[in-house]
mmCIF file of all heavy atoms, coordinates in Angstrom:
data_MODEL
# 
_entry.id   MODEL 
# 
loop_
_atom_site.group_PDB 
_atom_site.id 
_atom_site.type_symbol 
_atom_site.label_atom_id 
_atom_site.label_alt_id 
_atom_site.label_comp_id 
_atom_site.label_asym_id 
_atom_site.label_entity_id 
_atom_site.label_seq_id 
_atom_site.pdbx_PDB_ins_code 
_atom_site.Cartn_x 
_atom_site.Cartn_y 
_atom_site.Cartn_z 
_atom_site.occupancy 
_atom_site.B_iso_or_equiv 
_atom_site.pdbx_formal_charge 
_atom_site.auth_seq_id 
_atom_site.auth_comp_id 
_atom_site.auth_asym_id 
_atom_site.auth_atom_id 
_atom_site.pdbx_PDB_model_num 
ATOM 1   N N   . MET A 1 1  ? 0.835   -1.166  -0.020 1.00 0.00 ? 1  MET A N   1 
ATOM 2   C CA  . MET A 1 1  ? -0.069  0.035   0.028  1.00 0.00 ? 1  MET A CA  1 
ATOM 3   C C   . MET A 1 1  ? 0.899   1.224   0.008  1.00 0.00 ? 1  MET A C   1 
ATOM 4   O O   . MET A 1 1  ? 1.966   1.257   0.558  1.00 0.00 ? 1  MET A O   1 
ATOM 5   C CB  . MET A 1 1  ? -0.890  -0.032  1.265  1.00 0.00 ? 1  MET A CB  1 
ATOM 6   C CG  . MET A 1 1  ? -1.867  -1.092  1.321  1.00 0.00 ? 1  MET A CG  1 
ATOM 7   S SD  . MET A 1 1  ? -2.876  -0.948  2.875  1.00 0.00 ? 1  MET A SD  1 
ATOM 8   C CE  . MET A 1 1  ? -3.956  -2.218  2.613  1.00 0.00 ? 1  MET A CE  1 
ATOM 9   N N   . GLN A 1 2  ? 0.444   2.272   -0.689 1.00 0.00 ? 2  GLN A N   1 
ATOM 10  C CA  . GLN A 1 2  ? 1.059   3.525   -0.692 1.00 0.00 ? 2  GLN A CA  1 
ATOM 11  C C   . GLN A 1 2  ? 1.054   4.131   0.854  1.00 0.00 ? 2  GLN A C   1 
ATOM 12  O O   . GLN A 1 2  ? 0.237   3.818   1.568  1.00 0.00 ? 2  GLN A O   1 
ATOM 13  C CB  . GLN A 1 2  ? 0.402   4.598   -1.518 1.00 0.00 ? 2  GLN A CB  1 
ATOM 14  C CG  . GLN A 1 2  ? 0.412   4.191   -2.982 1.00 0.00 ? 2  GLN A CG  1 
ATOM 15  C CD  . GLN A 1 2  ? -0.418  5.172   -3.755 1.00 0.00 ? 2  GLN A CD  1 
ATOM 16  O OE1 . GLN A 1 2  ? -1.199  5.952   -3.293 1.00 0.00 ? 2  GLN A OE1 1 
ATOM 17  N NE2 . GLN A 1 2  ? -0.248  5.069   -5.115 1.00 0.00 ? 2  GLN A NE2 1 
ATOM 18  N N   . LEU A 1 3  ? 2.218   4.923   1.026  1.00 0.00 ? 3  LEU A N   1 
ATOM 19  C CA  . LEU A 1 3  ? 2.333   5.669   2.328  1.00 0.00 ? 3  LEU A CA  1 
ATOM 20  C C   . LEU A 1 3  ? 2.355   4.697   3.504  1.00 0.00 ? 3  LEU A C   1 
ATOM 21  O O   . LEU A 1 3  ? 1.912   5.042   4.555  1.00 0.00 ? 3  LEU A O   1 
ATOM 22  C CB  . LEU A 1 3  ? 1.242   6.707   2.428  1.00 0.00 ? 3  LEU A CB  1 
ATOM 23  C CG  . LEU A 1 3  ? 1.067   7.749   1.319  1.00 0.00 ? 3  LEU A CG  1 
ATOM 24  C CD1 . LEU A 1 3  ? -0.239  8.558   1.481  1.00 0.00 ? 3  LEU A CD1 1 
ATOM 25  C CD2 . LEU A 1 3  ? 2.282   8.614   1.323  1.00 0.00 ? 3  LEU A CD2 1 
ATOM 26  N N   . THR A 1 4  ? 2.729   3.515   3.361  1.00 0.00 ? 4  THR A N   1 
ATOM 27  C CA  . THR A 1 4  ? 2.743   2.419   4.318  1.00 0.00 ? 4  THR A CA  1 
ATOM 28  C C   . THR A 1 4  ? 4.168   1.858   4.629  1.00 0.00 ? 4  THR A C   1 
ATOM 29  O O   . THR A 1 4  ? 4.873   1.382   3.646  1.00 0.00 ? 4  THR A O   1 
ATOM 30  C CB  . THR A 1 4  ? 1.846   1.372   4.092  1.00 0.00 ? 4  THR A CB  1 
ATOM 31  O OG1 . THR A 1 4  ? 0.504   1.997   3.820  1.00 0.00 ? 4  THR A OG1 1 
ATOM 32  C CG2 . THR A 1 4  ? 1.678   0.365   5.257  1.00 0.00 ? 4  THR A CG2 1 
ATOM 33  N N   . GLU A 1 5  ? 4.634   1.860   5.858  1.00 0.00 ? 5  GLU A N   1 
ATOM 34  C CA  . GLU A 1 5  ? 5.885   1.217   6.225  1.00 0.00 ? 5  GLU A CA  1 
ATOM 35  C C   . GLU A 1 5  ? 5.567   0.109   7.176  1.00 0.00 ? 5  GLU A C   1 
ATOM 36  O O   . GLU A 1 5  ? 4.756   0.201   8.035  1.00 0.00 ? 5  GLU A O   1 
ATOM 37  C CB  . GLU A 1 5  ? 6.815   2.169   6.810  1.00 0.00 ? 5  GLU A CB  1 
ATOM 38  C CG  . GLU A 1 5  ? 7.357   3.249   5.991  1.00 0.00 ? 5  GLU A CG  1 
ATOM 39  C CD  . GLU A 1 5  ? 8.384   4.123   6.777  1.00 0.00 ? 5  GLU A CD  1 
ATOM 40  O OE1 . GLU A 1 5  ? 9.421   3.637   7.056  1.00 0.00 ? 5  GLU A OE1 1 
ATOM 41  O OE2 . GLU A 1 5  ? 7.980   5.277   7.013  1.00 0.00 ? 5  GLU A OE2 1 
ATOM 42  N N   . VAL A 1 6  ? 6.282   -1.017  7.044  1.00 0.00 ? 6  VAL A N   1 
ATOM 43  C CA  . VAL A 1 6  ? 6.072   -2.200  7.813  1.00 0.00 ? 6  VAL A CA  1 
ATOM 44  C C   . VAL A 1 6  ? 7.391   -2.653  8.415  1.00 0.00 ? 6  VAL A C   1 
ATOM 45  O O   . VAL A 1 6  ? 8.412   -2.760  7.719  1.00 0.00 ? 6  VAL A O   1 
ATOM 46  C CB  . VAL A 1 6  ? 5.437   -3.409  7.136  1.00 0.00 ? 6  VAL A CB  1 
ATOM 47  C CG1 . VAL A 1 6  ? 5.234   -4.589  7.956  1.00 0.00 ? 6  VAL A CG1 1 
ATOM 48  C CG2 . VAL A 1 6  ? 4.070   -2.930  6.490  1.00 0.00 ? 6  VAL A CG2 1 
ATOM 49  N N   . ARG A 1 7  ? 7.452   -2.966  9.748  1.00 0.00 ? 7  ARG A N   1 
ATOM 50  C CA  . ARG A 1 7  ? 8.554   -3.629  10.358 1.00 0.00 ? 7  ARG A CA  1 
ATOM 51  C C   . ARG A 1 7  ? 8.119   -4.753  11.178 1.00 0.00 ? 7  ARG A C   1 
ATOM 52  O O   . ARG A 1 7  ? 6.909   -4.729  11.584 1.00 0.00 ? 7  ARG A O   1 
ATOM 53  C CB  . ARG A 1 7  ? 9.303   -2.568  11.231 1.00 0.00 ? 7  ARG A CB  1 
ATOM 54  C CG  . ARG A 1 7  ? 10.048  -1.487  10.406 1.00 0.00 ? 7  ARG A CG  1 
ATOM 55  C CD  . ARG A 1 7  ? 10.982  -0.724  11.112 1.00 0.00 ? 7  ARG A CD  1 
ATOM 56  N NE  . ARG A 1 7  ? 11.555  0.265   10.366 1.00 0.00 ? 7  ARG A NE  1 
ATOM 57  C CZ  . ARG A 1 7  ? 12.518  1.177   10.880 1.00 0.00 ? 7  ARG A CZ  1 
ATOM 58  N NH1 . ARG A 1 7  ? 12.762  1.206   12.152 1.00 0.00 ? 7  ARG A NH1 1 
ATOM 59  N NH2 . ARG A 1 7  ? 13.037  2.066   10.029 1.00 0.00 ? 7  ARG A NH2 1 
ATOM 60  N N   . TYR A 1 8  ? 9.001   -5.637  11.537 1.00 0.00 ? 8  TYR A N   1 
ATOM 61  C CA  . TYR A 1 8  ? 8.632   -6.858  12.349 1.00 0.00 ? 8  TYR A CA  1 
ATOM 62  C C   . TYR A 1 8  ? 9.445   -7.029  13.565 1.00 0.00 ? 8  TYR A C   1 
ATOM 63  O O   . TYR A 1 8  ? 10.593  -6.627  13.688 1.00 0.00 ? 8  TYR A O   1 
ATOM 64  C CB  . TYR A 1 8  ? 9.041   -8.094  11.477 1.00 0.00 ? 8  TYR A CB  1 
ATOM 65  C CG  . TYR A 1 8  ? 8.287   -8.049  10.162 1.00 0.00 ? 8  TYR A CG  1 
ATOM 66  C CD1 . TYR A 1 8  ? 8.908   -7.426  9.037  1.00 0.00 ? 8  TYR A CD1 1 
ATOM 67  C CD2 . TYR A 1 8  ? 6.992   -8.633  9.977  1.00 0.00 ? 8  TYR A CD2 1 
ATOM 68  C CE1 . TYR A 1 8  ? 8.211   -7.435  7.749  1.00 0.00 ? 8  TYR A CE1 1 
ATOM 69  C CE2 . TYR A 1 8  ? 6.344   -8.493  8.724  1.00 0.00 ? 8  TYR A CE2 1 
ATOM 70  C CZ  . TYR A 1 8  ? 6.945   -7.925  7.719  1.00 0.00 ? 8  TYR A CZ  1 
ATOM 71  O OH  . TYR A 1 8  ? 6.287   -7.858  6.381  1.00 0.00 ? 8  TYR A OH  1 
ATOM 72  N N   . LEU A 1 9  ? 8.775   -7.458  14.647 1.00 0.00 ? 9  LEU A N   1 
ATOM 73  C CA  . LEU A 1 9  ? 9.395   -7.674  15.961 1.00 0.00 ? 9  LEU A CA  1 
ATOM 74  C C   . LEU A 1 9  ? 9.138   -9.264  16.214 1.00 0.00 ? 9  LEU A C   1 
ATOM 75  O O   . LEU A 1 9  ? 8.250   -9.824  15.847 1.00 0.00 ? 9  LEU A O   1 
ATOM 76  C CB  . LEU A 1 9  ? 8.702   -6.886  17.013 1.00 0.00 ? 9  LEU A CB  1 
ATOM 77  C CG  . LEU A 1 9  ? 9.258   -5.498  17.266 1.00 0.00 ? 9  LEU A CG  1 
ATOM 78  C CD1 . LEU A 1 9  ? 8.393   -4.795  18.308 1.00 0.00 ? 9  LEU A CD1 1 
ATOM 79  C CD2 . LEU A 1 9  ? 10.716  -5.412  17.651 1.00 0.00 ? 9  LEU A CD2 1 
ATOM 80  N N   . ASP A 1 10 ? 10.098  -9.758  17.074 1.00 0.00 ? 10 ASP A N   1 
ATOM 81  C CA  . ASP A 1 10 ? 9.965   -11.130 17.547 1.00 0.00 ? 10 ASP A CA  1 
ATOM 82  C C   . ASP A 1 10 ? 9.118   -11.010 18.760 1.00 0.00 ? 10 ASP A C   1 
ATOM 83  O O   . ASP A 1 10 ? 9.636   -11.222 19.905 1.00 0.00 ? 10 ASP A O   1 
ATOM 84  C CB  . ASP A 1 10 ? 11.307  -11.699 17.776 1.00 0.00 ? 10 ASP A CB  1 
ATOM 85  C CG  . ASP A 1 10 ? 11.233  -13.202 18.037 1.00 0.00 ? 10 ASP A CG  1 
ATOM 86  O OD1 . ASP A 1 10 ? 10.126  -13.887 17.875 1.00 0.00 ? 10 ASP A OD1 1 
ATOM 87  O OD2 . ASP A 1 10 ? 12.193  -13.816 18.574 1.00 0.00 ? 10 ASP A OD2 1 
ATOM 88  N N   . VAL A 1 11 ? 7.829   -10.922 18.680 1.00 0.00 ? 11 VAL A N   1 
ATOM 89  C CA  . VAL A 1 11 ? 6.931   -10.705 19.778 1.00 0.00 ? 11 VAL A CA  1 
ATOM 90  C C   . VAL A 1 11 ? 5.577   -11.294 19.327 1.00 0.00 ? 11 VAL A C   1 
ATOM 91  O O   . VAL A 1 11 ? 5.048   -11.016 18.187 1.00 0.00 ? 11 VAL A O   1 
ATOM 92  C CB  . VAL A 1 11 ? 6.857   -9.203  20.223 1.00 0.00 ? 11 VAL A CB  1 
ATOM 93  C CG1 . VAL A 1 11 ? 5.894   -8.513  19.436 1.00 0.00 ? 11 VAL A CG1 1 
ATOM 94  C CG2 . VAL A 1 11 ? 6.705   -9.093  21.682 1.00 0.00 ? 11 VAL A CG2 1 
ATOM 95  N N   . GLU A 1 12 ? 4.928   -11.999 20.220 1.00 0.00 ? 12 GLU A N   1 
ATOM 96  C CA  . GLU A 1 12 ? 3.650   -12.609 19.991 1.00 0.00 ? 12 GLU A CA  1 
ATOM 97  C C   . GLU A 1 12 ? 2.517   -11.927 20.653 1.00 0.00 ? 12 GLU A C   1 
ATOM 98  O O   . GLU A 1 12 ? 2.535   -11.781 21.848 1.00 0.00 ? 12 GLU A O   1 
ATOM 99  C CB  . GLU A 1 12 ? 3.567   -14.059 20.345 1.00 0.00 ? 12 GLU A CB  1 
ATOM 100 C CG  . GLU A 1 12 ? 2.388   -14.863 19.929 1.00 0.00 ? 12 GLU A CG  1 
ATOM 101 C CD  . GLU A 1 12 ? 2.289   -15.043 18.429 1.00 0.00 ? 12 GLU A CD  1 
ATOM 102 O OE1 . GLU A 1 12 ? 3.294   -15.260 17.797 1.00 0.00 ? 12 GLU A OE1 1 
ATOM 103 O OE2 . GLU A 1 12 ? 1.223   -15.044 17.918 1.00 0.00 ? 12 GLU A OE2 1 
ATOM 104 N N   . THR A 1 13 ? 1.606   -11.282 19.878 1.00 0.00 ? 13 THR A N   1 
ATOM 105 C CA  . THR A 1 13 ? 0.549   -10.501 20.488 1.00 0.00 ? 13 THR A CA  1 
ATOM 106 C C   . THR A 1 13 ? -0.710  -10.600 19.647 1.00 0.00 ? 13 THR A C   1 
ATOM 107 O O   . THR A 1 13 ? -0.576  -10.808 18.390 1.00 0.00 ? 13 THR A O   1 
ATOM 108 C CB  . THR A 1 13 ? 0.892   -9.079  20.711 1.00 0.00 ? 13 THR A CB  1 
ATOM 109 O OG1 . THR A 1 13 ? -0.172  -8.363  21.360 1.00 0.00 ? 13 THR A OG1 1 
ATOM 110 C CG2 . THR A 1 13 ? 1.224   -8.326  19.390 1.00 0.00 ? 13 THR A CG2 1 
ATOM 111 N N   . LYS A 1 14 ? -1.868  -10.537 20.252 1.00 0.00 ? 14 LYS A N   1 
ATOM 112 C CA  . LYS A 1 14 ? -3.114  -10.558 19.553 1.00 0.00 ? 14 LYS A CA  1 
ATOM 113 C C   . LYS A 1 14 ? -3.902  -9.219  19.650 1.00 0.00 ? 14 LYS A C   1 
ATOM 114 O O   . LYS A 1 14 ? -5.083  -9.073  19.483 1.00 0.00 ? 14 LYS A O   1 
ATOM 115 C CB  . LYS A 1 14 ? -4.068  -11.649 19.993 1.00 0.00 ? 14 LYS A CB  1 
ATOM 116 C CG  . LYS A 1 14 ? -3.506  -13.039 19.608 1.00 0.00 ? 14 LYS A CG  1 
ATOM 117 C CD  . LYS A 1 14 ? -4.449  -14.189 20.045 1.00 0.00 ? 14 LYS A CD  1 
ATOM 118 C CE  . LYS A 1 14 ? -3.801  -15.487 19.717 1.00 0.00 ? 14 LYS A CE  1 
ATOM 119 N NZ  . LYS A 1 14 ? -4.437  -16.613 20.294 1.00 0.00 ? 14 LYS A NZ  1 
ATOM 120 N N   . THR A 1 15 ? -3.050  -8.166  19.940 1.00 0.00 ? 15 THR A N   1 
ATOM 121 C CA  . THR A 1 15 ? -3.567  -6.908  20.047 1.00 0.00 ? 15 THR A CA  1 
ATOM 122 C C   . THR A 1 15 ? -2.745  -5.890  19.322 1.00 0.00 ? 15 THR A C   1 
ATOM 123 O O   . THR A 1 15 ? -1.510  -6.035  19.255 1.00 0.00 ? 15 THR A O   1 
ATOM 124 C CB  . THR A 1 15 ? -3.679  -6.428  21.578 1.00 0.00 ? 15 THR A CB  1 
ATOM 125 O OG1 . THR A 1 15 ? -4.289  -7.425  22.359 1.00 0.00 ? 15 THR A OG1 1 
ATOM 126 C CG2 . THR A 1 15 ? -4.217  -5.122  21.750 1.00 0.00 ? 15 THR A CG2 1 
ATOM 127 N N   . GLU A 1 16 ? -3.414  -5.023  18.629 1.00 0.00 ? 16 GLU A N   1 
ATOM 128 C CA  . GLU A 1 16 ? -2.588  -3.946  17.933 1.00 0.00 ? 16 GLU A CA  1 
ATOM 129 C C   . GLU A 1 16 ? -3.061  -2.570  18.499 1.00 0.00 ? 16 GLU A C   1 
ATOM 130 O O   . GLU A 1 16 ? -4.165  -2.476  19.058 1.00 0.00 ? 16 GLU A O   1 
ATOM 131 C CB  . GLU A 1 16 ? -2.821  -4.002  16.373 1.00 0.00 ? 16 GLU A CB  1 
ATOM 132 C CG  . GLU A 1 16 ? -4.172  -3.608  15.923 1.00 0.00 ? 16 GLU A CG  1 
ATOM 133 C CD  . GLU A 1 16 ? -4.302  -3.595  14.380 1.00 0.00 ? 16 GLU A CD  1 
ATOM 134 O OE1 . GLU A 1 16 ? -4.205  -4.653  13.804 1.00 0.00 ? 16 GLU A OE1 1 
ATOM 135 O OE2 . GLU A 1 16 ? -4.510  -2.479  13.786 1.00 0.00 ? 16 GLU A OE2 1 
ATOM 136 N N   . TYR A 1 17 ? -2.250  -1.611  18.312 1.00 0.00 ? 17 TYR A N   1 
ATOM 137 C CA  . TYR A 1 17 ? -2.705  -0.238  18.773 1.00 0.00 ? 17 TYR A CA  1 
ATOM 138 C C   . TYR A 1 17 ? -2.171  0.714   17.705 1.00 0.00 ? 17 TYR A C   1 
ATOM 139 O O   . TYR A 1 17 ? -1.309  0.471   16.940 1.00 0.00 ? 17 TYR A O   1 
ATOM 140 C CB  . TYR A 1 17 ? -2.188  0.020   20.238 1.00 0.00 ? 17 TYR A CB  1 
ATOM 141 C CG  . TYR A 1 17 ? -0.704  0.413   20.230 1.00 0.00 ? 17 TYR A CG  1 
ATOM 142 C CD1 . TYR A 1 17 ? -0.376  1.772   20.029 1.00 0.00 ? 17 TYR A CD1 1 
ATOM 143 C CD2 . TYR A 1 17 ? 0.254   -0.453  20.521 1.00 0.00 ? 17 TYR A CD2 1 
ATOM 144 C CE1 . TYR A 1 17 ? 1.027   2.172   20.224 1.00 0.00 ? 17 TYR A CE1 1 
ATOM 145 C CE2 . TYR A 1 17 ? 1.593   -0.123  20.630 1.00 0.00 ? 17 TYR A CE2 1 
ATOM 146 C CZ  . TYR A 1 17 ? 1.973   1.280   20.425 1.00 0.00 ? 17 TYR A CZ  1 
ATOM 147 O OH  . TYR A 1 17 ? 3.252   1.614   20.511 1.00 0.00 ? 17 TYR A OH  1 
ATOM 148 N N   . GLY A 1 18 ? -2.806  1.907   17.827 1.00 0.00 ? 18 GLY A N   1 
ATOM 149 C CA  . GLY A 1 18 ? -2.445  2.874   16.878 1.00 0.00 ? 18 GLY A CA  1 
ATOM 150 C C   . GLY A 1 18 ? -2.670  4.300   17.531 1.00 0.00 ? 18 GLY A C   1 
ATOM 151 O O   . GLY A 1 18 ? -3.522  4.392   18.462 1.00 0.00 ? 18 GLY A O   1 
ATOM 152 N N   . VAL A 1 19 ? -2.141  5.351   16.919 1.00 0.00 ? 19 VAL A N   1 
ATOM 153 C CA  . VAL A 1 19 ? -2.292  6.707   17.292 1.00 0.00 ? 19 VAL A CA  1 
ATOM 154 C C   . VAL A 1 19 ? -2.528  7.582   16.175 1.00 0.00 ? 19 VAL A C   1 
ATOM 155 O O   . VAL A 1 19 ? -1.785  7.393   15.129 1.00 0.00 ? 19 VAL A O   1 
ATOM 156 C CB  . VAL A 1 19 ? -1.064  7.200   18.104 1.00 0.00 ? 19 VAL A CB  1 
ATOM 157 C CG1 . VAL A 1 19 ? -1.182  8.610   18.469 1.00 0.00 ? 19 VAL A CG1 1 
ATOM 158 C CG2 . VAL A 1 19 ? -0.749  6.284   19.285 1.00 0.00 ? 19 VAL A CG2 1 
ATOM 159 N N   . LEU A 1 20 ? -3.471  8.419   16.135 1.00 0.00 ? 20 LEU A N   1 
ATOM 160 C CA  . LEU A 1 20 ? -3.774  9.302   15.029 1.00 0.00 ? 20 LEU A CA  1 
ATOM 161 C C   . LEU A 1 20 ? -4.239  10.682  15.759 1.00 0.00 ? 20 LEU A C   1 
ATOM 162 O O   . LEU A 1 20 ? -5.262  10.666  16.339 1.00 0.00 ? 20 LEU A O   1 
ATOM 163 C CB  . LEU A 1 20 ? -4.776  8.824   13.999 1.00 0.00 ? 20 LEU A CB  1 
ATOM 164 C CG  . LEU A 1 20 ? -5.011  9.840   12.901 1.00 0.00 ? 20 LEU A CG  1 
ATOM 165 C CD1 . LEU A 1 20 ? -3.731  10.086  12.089 1.00 0.00 ? 20 LEU A CD1 1 
ATOM 166 C CD2 . LEU A 1 20 ? -6.141  9.233   11.985 1.00 0.00 ? 20 LEU A CD2 1 
ATOM 167 N N   . ASN A 1 21 ? -3.408  11.654  15.656 1.00 0.00 ? 21 ASN A N   1 
ATOM 168 C CA  . ASN A 1 21 ? -3.646  12.982  16.373 1.00 0.00 ? 21 ASN A CA  1 
ATOM 169 C C   . ASN A 1 21 ? -3.900  12.738  17.762 1.00 0.00 ? 21 ASN A C   1 
ATOM 170 O O   . ASN A 1 21 ? -3.027  12.177  18.438 1.00 0.00 ? 21 ASN A O   1 
ATOM 171 C CB  . ASN A 1 21 ? -4.862  13.595  15.585 1.00 0.00 ? 21 ASN A CB  1 
ATOM 172 C CG  . ASN A 1 21 ? -4.568  13.962  14.178 1.00 0.00 ? 21 ASN A CG  1 
ATOM 173 O OD1 . ASN A 1 21 ? -3.409  14.207  13.815 1.00 0.00 ? 21 ASN A OD1 1 
ATOM 174 N ND2 . ASN A 1 21 ? -5.553  13.945  13.357 1.00 0.00 ? 21 ASN A ND2 1 
ATOM 175 N N   . ASP A 1 22 ? -5.031  13.093  18.381 1.00 0.00 ? 22 ASP A N   1 
ATOM 176 C CA  . ASP A 1 22 ? -5.349  12.844  19.695 1.00 0.00 ? 22 ASP A CA  1 
ATOM 177 C C   . ASP A 1 22 ? -6.027  11.608  20.026 1.00 0.00 ? 22 ASP A C   1 
ATOM 178 O O   . ASP A 1 22 ? -6.475  11.296  21.186 1.00 0.00 ? 22 ASP A O   1 
ATOM 179 C CB  . ASP A 1 22 ? -6.106  14.112  20.291 1.00 0.00 ? 22 ASP A CB  1 
ATOM 180 C CG  . ASP A 1 22 ? -5.384  15.362  20.429 1.00 0.00 ? 22 ASP A CG  1 
ATOM 181 O OD1 . ASP A 1 22 ? -4.115  15.267  20.432 1.00 0.00 ? 22 ASP A OD1 1 
ATOM 182 O OD2 . ASP A 1 22 ? -5.974  16.433  20.629 1.00 0.00 ? 22 ASP A OD2 1 
ATOM 183 N N   . TYR A 1 23 ? -6.161  10.752  19.093 1.00 0.00 ? 23 TYR A N   1 
ATOM 184 C CA  . TYR A 1 23 ? -6.820  9.461   19.287 1.00 0.00 ? 23 TYR A CA  1 
ATOM 185 C C   . TYR A 1 23 ? -5.852  8.346   19.472 1.00 0.00 ? 23 TYR A C   1 
ATOM 186 O O   . TYR A 1 23 ? -4.896  8.248   18.796 1.00 0.00 ? 23 TYR A O   1 
ATOM 187 C CB  . TYR A 1 23 ? -7.681  9.182   18.086 1.00 0.00 ? 23 TYR A CB  1 
ATOM 188 C CG  . TYR A 1 23 ? -8.953  10.065  17.974 1.00 0.00 ? 23 TYR A CG  1 
ATOM 189 C CD1 . TYR A 1 23 ? -8.853  11.171  17.268 1.00 0.00 ? 23 TYR A CD1 1 
ATOM 190 C CD2 . TYR A 1 23 ? -10.136 9.814   18.628 1.00 0.00 ? 23 TYR A CD2 1 
ATOM 191 C CE1 . TYR A 1 23 ? -10.041 12.024  17.248 1.00 0.00 ? 23 TYR A CE1 1 
ATOM 192 C CE2 . TYR A 1 23 ? -11.210 10.582  18.574 1.00 0.00 ? 23 TYR A CE2 1 
ATOM 193 C CZ  . TYR A 1 23 ? -11.174 11.668  17.881 1.00 0.00 ? 23 TYR A CZ  1 
ATOM 194 O OH  . TYR A 1 23 ? -12.248 12.544  17.773 1.00 0.00 ? 23 TYR A OH  1 
ATOM 195 N N   . PHE A 1 24 ? -6.179  7.461   20.402 1.00 0.00 ? 24 PHE A N   1 
ATOM 196 C CA  . PHE A 1 24 ? -5.439  6.218   20.648 1.00 0.00 ? 24 PHE A CA  1 
ATOM 197 C C   . PHE A 1 24 ? -6.499  5.171   20.521 1.00 0.00 ? 24 PHE A C   1 
ATOM 198 O O   . PHE A 1 24 ? -7.544  5.182   21.046 1.00 0.00 ? 24 PHE A O   1 
ATOM 199 C CB  . PHE A 1 24 ? -4.881  6.343   22.148 1.00 0.00 ? 24 PHE A CB  1 
ATOM 200 C CG  . PHE A 1 24 ? -4.285  4.958   22.646 1.00 0.00 ? 24 PHE A CG  1 
ATOM 201 C CD1 . PHE A 1 24 ? -3.273  4.394   22.080 1.00 0.00 ? 24 PHE A CD1 1 
ATOM 202 C CD2 . PHE A 1 24 ? -5.095  4.277   23.655 1.00 0.00 ? 24 PHE A CD2 1 
ATOM 203 C CE1 . PHE A 1 24 ? -2.814  3.125   22.640 1.00 0.00 ? 24 PHE A CE1 1 
ATOM 204 C CE2 . PHE A 1 24 ? -4.595  3.103   24.104 1.00 0.00 ? 24 PHE A CE2 1 
ATOM 205 C CZ  . PHE A 1 24 ? -3.483  2.505   23.518 1.00 0.00 ? 24 PHE A CZ  1 
ATOM 206 N N   . PHE A 1 25 ? -5.996  4.040   19.880 1.00 0.00 ? 25 PHE A N   1 
ATOM 207 C CA  . PHE A 1 25 ? -6.983  2.821   19.664 1.00 0.00 ? 25 PHE A CA  1 
ATOM 208 C C   . PHE A 1 25 ? -6.303  1.591   19.964 1.00 0.00 ? 25 PHE A C   1 
ATOM 209 O O   . PHE A 1 25 ? -5.032  1.439   19.787 1.00 0.00 ? 25 PHE A O   1 
ATOM 210 C CB  . PHE A 1 25 ? -7.666  2.803   18.339 1.00 0.00 ? 25 PHE A CB  1 
ATOM 211 C CG  . PHE A 1 25 ? -6.710  2.534   17.167 1.00 0.00 ? 25 PHE A CG  1 
ATOM 212 C CD1 . PHE A 1 25 ? -6.391  1.138   16.818 1.00 0.00 ? 25 PHE A CD1 1 
ATOM 213 C CD2 . PHE A 1 25 ? -6.248  3.592   16.499 1.00 0.00 ? 25 PHE A CD2 1 
ATOM 214 C CE1 . PHE A 1 25 ? -5.526  0.908   15.757 1.00 0.00 ? 25 PHE A CE1 1 
ATOM 215 C CE2 . PHE A 1 25 ? -5.340  3.322   15.394 1.00 0.00 ? 25 PHE A CE2 1 
ATOM 216 C CZ  . PHE A 1 25 ? -5.051  1.980   14.997 1.00 0.00 ? 25 PHE A CZ  1 
ATOM 217 N N   . LEU A 1 26 ? -7.044  0.611   20.526 1.00 0.00 ? 26 LEU A N   1 
ATOM 218 C CA  . LEU A 1 26 ? -6.628  -0.755  20.711 1.00 0.00 ? 26 LEU A CA  1 
ATOM 219 C C   . LEU A 1 26 ? -7.433  -1.713  20.084 1.00 0.00 ? 26 LEU A C   1 
ATOM 220 O O   . LEU A 1 26 ? -8.735  -1.479  20.103 1.00 0.00 ? 26 LEU A O   1 
ATOM 221 C CB  . LEU A 1 26 ? -6.637  -1.132  22.220 1.00 0.00 ? 26 LEU A CB  1 
ATOM 222 C CG  . LEU A 1 26 ? -5.551  -0.511  23.151 1.00 0.00 ? 26 LEU A CG  1 
ATOM 223 C CD1 . LEU A 1 26 ? -6.023  -0.727  24.549 1.00 0.00 ? 26 LEU A CD1 1 
ATOM 224 C CD2 . LEU A 1 26 ? -4.190  -1.228  22.837 1.00 0.00 ? 26 LEU A CD2 1 
# 
Protein backbone atom coordinates (compact mmCIF):
# COMPACT_ATOMS: atom_id res chain seq x y z
CA MET A 1 0.00 0.00 0.00
CA GLN A 2 1.12 3.55 -0.66
CA LEU A 3 2.30 5.64 2.31
CA THR A 4 2.78 2.48 4.40
CA GLU A 5 5.90 1.20 6.18
CA VAL A 6 6.07 -2.19 7.88
CA ARG A 7 8.59 -3.57 10.37
CA TYR A 8 8.68 -6.84 12.32
CA LEU A 9 9.38 -7.73 15.93
CA ASP A 10 9.92 -11.13 17.51
CA VAL A 11 6.92 -10.72 19.77
CA GLU A 12 3.63 -12.62 19.92
CA THR A 13 0.50 -10.55 20.51
CA LYS A 14 -3.14 -10.56 19.49
CA THR A 15 -3.59 -6.86 20.10
CA GLU A 16 -2.65 -3.94 17.93
CA TYR A 17 -2.67 -0.27 18.74
CA GLY A 18 -2.40 2.94 16.88
CA VAL A 19 -2.31 6.68 17.34
CA LEU A 20 -3.73 9.36 15.09
CA ASN A 21 -3.67 12.95 16.31
CA ASP A 22 -5.30 12.92 19.78
CA TYR A 23 -6.85 9.47 19.30
CA PHE A 24 -5.45 6.22 20.67
CA PHE A 25 -6.95 2.86 19.71
CA LEU A 26 -6.59 -0.76 20.75
